[in-house]
Amino acid sequence: MYNNENTDSQSTSIAQMAEEPLLNIINSSLSLGHVPKPFKLAVIKPLIKKPQLDPSELANYRPISNLPFMSKILEKVISAQLCSFLQKK
């Protein structure tokens, strides 16, 4: 049987443990004006444009890049700060 309360409390505990290190990384990146190199590394996967296209033809694919979740978090923080700054001006 699935115990939702147990899973929720474990998820909350893990999130609380990870919160401070994540905030330190984000704040350091913002204060130094530097994006860590691992945040810039993407996994690029080819995705076929349409299912009916010939999969043996390279032109029928488009590249999809997956960035680390931390780079997406940093991007959202910077975006929120920039939007806030621009709205005040």
C-alpha atoms as a PDB file:
ATOM      1  CA  MET A   1       0.000   0.000   0.000  1.00  0.00           C
ATOM      2  CA  TYR A   2       1.245   3.492  -0.908  1.00  0.00           C
ATOM      3  CA  ASN A   3       1.706   5.800   2.066  1.00  0.00           C
ATOM      4  CA  ASN A   4       1.433   9.356   0.792  1.00  0.00           C
ATOM      5  CA  GLU A   5       2.142  10.999   4.174  1.00  0.00           C
ATOM      6  CA  ASN A   6       5.453   9.174   4.555  1.00  0.00           C
ATOM      7  CA  THR A   7       6.583  10.100   1.043  1.00  0.00           C
ATOM      8  CA  ASP A   8       5.565  13.732   1.507  1.00  0.00           C
ATOM      9  CA  SER A   9       7.489  14.055   4.764  1.00  0.00           C
ATOM     10  CA  GLN A  10      10.571  12.432   3.197  1.00  0.00           C
ATOM     11  CA  SER A  11      10.372  14.775   0.191  1.00  0.00           C
ATOM     12  CA  THR A  12      10.041  17.780   2.482  1.00  0.00           C
ATOM     13  CA  SER A  13      13.003  16.611   4.551  1.00  0.00           C
ATOM     14  CA  ILE A  14      15.182  16.147   1.468  1.00  0.00           C
ATOM     15  CA  ALA A  15      14.165  19.547   0.113  1.00  0.00           C
ATOM     16  CA  GLN A  16      15.010  21.214   3.426  1.00  0.00           C
ATOM     17  CA  MET A  17      18.425  19.526   3.525  1.00  0.00           C
ATOM     18  CA  ALA A  18      19.210  20.622  -0.039  1.00  0.00           C
ATOM     19  CA  GLU A  19      17.886  24.144   0.340  1.00  0.00           C
ATOM     20  CA  GLU A  20      20.918  25.786   1.987  1.00  0.00           C
ATOM     21  CA  PRO A  21      23.578  24.315  -0.349  1.00  0.00           C
ATOM     22  CA  LEU A  22      21.473  25.231  -3.399  1.00  0.00           C
ATOM     23  CA  LEU A  23      20.980  28.777  -2.137  1.00  0.00           C
ATOM     24  CA  ASN A  24      24.733  29.080  -1.508  1.00  0.00           C
ATOM     25  CA  ILE A  25      25.506  28.001  -5.070  1.00  0.00           C
ATOM     26  CA  ILE A  26      22.937  30.381  -6.580  1.00  0.00           C
ATOM     27  CA  ASN A  27      23.997  33.325  -4.387  1.00  0.00           C
ATOM     28  CA  SER A  28      27.695  32.722  -5.097  1.00  0.00           C
ATOM     29  CA  SER A  29      27.028  32.616  -8.816  1.00  0.00           C
ATOM     30  CA  LEU A  30      25.069  35.873  -8.646  1.00  0.00           C
ATOM     31  CA  SER A  31      27.587  37.708  -6.466  1.00  0.00           C
ATOM     32  CA  LEU A  32      30.590  36.582  -8.522  1.00  0.00           C
ATOM     33  CA  GLY A  33      28.847  37.102 -11.862  1.00  0.00           C
ATOM     34  CA  HIS A  34      30.004  33.658 -12.920  1.00  0.00           C
ATOM     35  CA  VAL A  35      28.042  30.647 -14.133  1.00  0.00           C
ATOM     36  CA  PRO A  36      29.736  27.382 -13.105  1.00  0.00           C
ATOM     37  CA  LYS A  37      30.953  25.328 -16.056  1.00  0.00           C
ATOM     38  CA  PRO A  38      28.814  22.254 -15.194  1.00  0.00           C
ATOM     39  CA  PHE A  39      25.717  24.487 -15.474  1.00  0.00           C
ATOM     40  CA  LYS A  40      26.631  25.152 -19.109  1.00  0.00           C
ATOM     41  CA  LEU A  41      26.956  21.514 -20.179  1.00  0.00           C
ATOM     42  CA  ALA A  42      23.945  20.211 -22.064  1.00  0.00           C
ATOM     43  CA  VAL A  43      23.007  16.740 -23.198  1.00  0.00           C
ATOM     44  CA  ILE A  44      21.984  17.012 -26.843  1.00  0.00           C
ATOM     45  CA  LYS A  45      19.619  14.392 -28.192  1.00  0.00           C
ATOM     46  CA  PRO A  46      18.338  14.104 -31.745  1.00  0.00           C
ATOM     47  CA  LEU A  47      14.544  14.102 -32.027  1.00  0.00           C
ATOM     48  CA  ILE A  48      12.766  13.237 -35.234  1.00  0.00           C
ATOM     49  CA  LYS A  49      10.727  16.206 -36.496  1.00  0.00           C
ATOM     50  CA  LYS A  50       7.644  14.202 -37.496  1.00  0.00           C
ATOM     51  CA  PRO A  51       6.904  10.501 -36.893  1.00  0.00           C
ATOM     52  CA  GLN A  52       6.154   9.874 -40.570  1.00  0.00           C
ATOM     53  CA  LEU A  53       9.596  11.070 -41.703  1.00  0.00           C
ATOM     54  CA  ASP A  54      12.348   8.623 -42.626  1.00  0.00           C
ATOM     55  CA  PRO A  55      14.457   7.995 -39.474  1.00  0.00           C
ATOM     56  CA  SER A  56      17.513   7.044 -41.545  1.00  0.00           C
ATOM     57  CA  GLU A  57      17.712  10.596 -42.973  1.00  0.00           C
ATOM     58  CA  LEU A  58      19.709  12.957 -40.701  1.00  0.00           C
ATOM     59  CA  ALA A  59      17.925  16.044 -42.053  1.00  0.00           C
ATOM     60  CA  ASN A  60      14.696  14.751 -40.460  1.00  0.00           C
ATOM     61  CA  TYR A  61      16.051  15.311 -36.946  1.00  0.00           C
ATOM     62  CA  ARG A  62      16.345  18.397 -34.773  1.00  0.00           C
ATOM     63  CA  PRO A  63      18.658  18.762 -31.784  1.00  0.00           C
ATOM     64  CA  ILE A  64      17.118  18.965 -28.311  1.00  0.00           C
ATOM     65  CA  SER A  65      19.396  20.137 -25.517  1.00  0.00           C
ATOM     66  CA  ASN A  66      18.763  19.272 -21.879  1.00  0.00           C
ATOM     67  CA  LEU A  67      20.502  21.515 -19.365  1.00  0.00           C
ATOM     68  CA  PRO A  68      21.089  20.592 -15.721  1.00  0.00           C
ATOM     69  CA  PHE A  69      18.201  21.590 -13.446  1.00  0.00           C
ATOM     70  CA  MET A  70      20.481  23.926 -11.480  1.00  0.00           C
ATOM     71  CA  SER A  71      21.109  26.037 -14.572  1.00  0.00           C
ATOM     72  CA  LYS A  72      17.352  26.333 -15.082  1.00  0.00           C
ATOM     73  CA  ILE A  73      16.914  27.452 -11.460  1.00  0.00           C
ATOM     74  CA  LEU A  74      19.701  30.026 -11.854  1.00  0.00           C
ATOM     75  CA  GLU A  75      18.107  31.248 -15.082  1.00  0.00           C
ATOM     76  CA  LYS A  76      14.745  31.762 -13.339  1.00  0.00           C
ATOM     77  CA  VAL A  77      16.355  33.612 -10.414  1.00  0.00           C
ATOM     78  CA  ILE A  78      18.232  35.940 -12.773  1.00  0.00           C
ATOM     79  CA  SER A  79      15.095  36.497 -14.843  1.00  0.00           C
ATOM     80  CA  ALA A  80      13.039  37.377 -11.759  1.00  0.00           C
ATOM     81  CA  GLN A  81      15.703  39.806 -10.508  1.00  0.00           C
ATOM     82  CA  LEU A  82      16.106  41.412 -13.924  1.00  0.00           C
ATOM     83  CA  CYS A  83      12.345  41.823 -14.385  1.00  0.00           C
ATOM     84  CA  SER A  84      12.052  43.349 -10.921  1.00  0.00           C
ATOM     85  CA  PHE A  85      14.903  45.760 -11.641  1.00  0.00           C
ATOM     86  CA  LEU A  86      13.481  46.799 -15.013  1.00  0.00           C
ATOM     87  CA  GLN A  87       9.985  47.372 -13.604  1.00  0.00           C
ATOM     88  CA  LYS A  88      11.414  49.779 -11.000  1.00  0.00           C
ATOM     89  CA  LYS A  89      13.143  51.869 -13.688  1.00  0.00           C
END
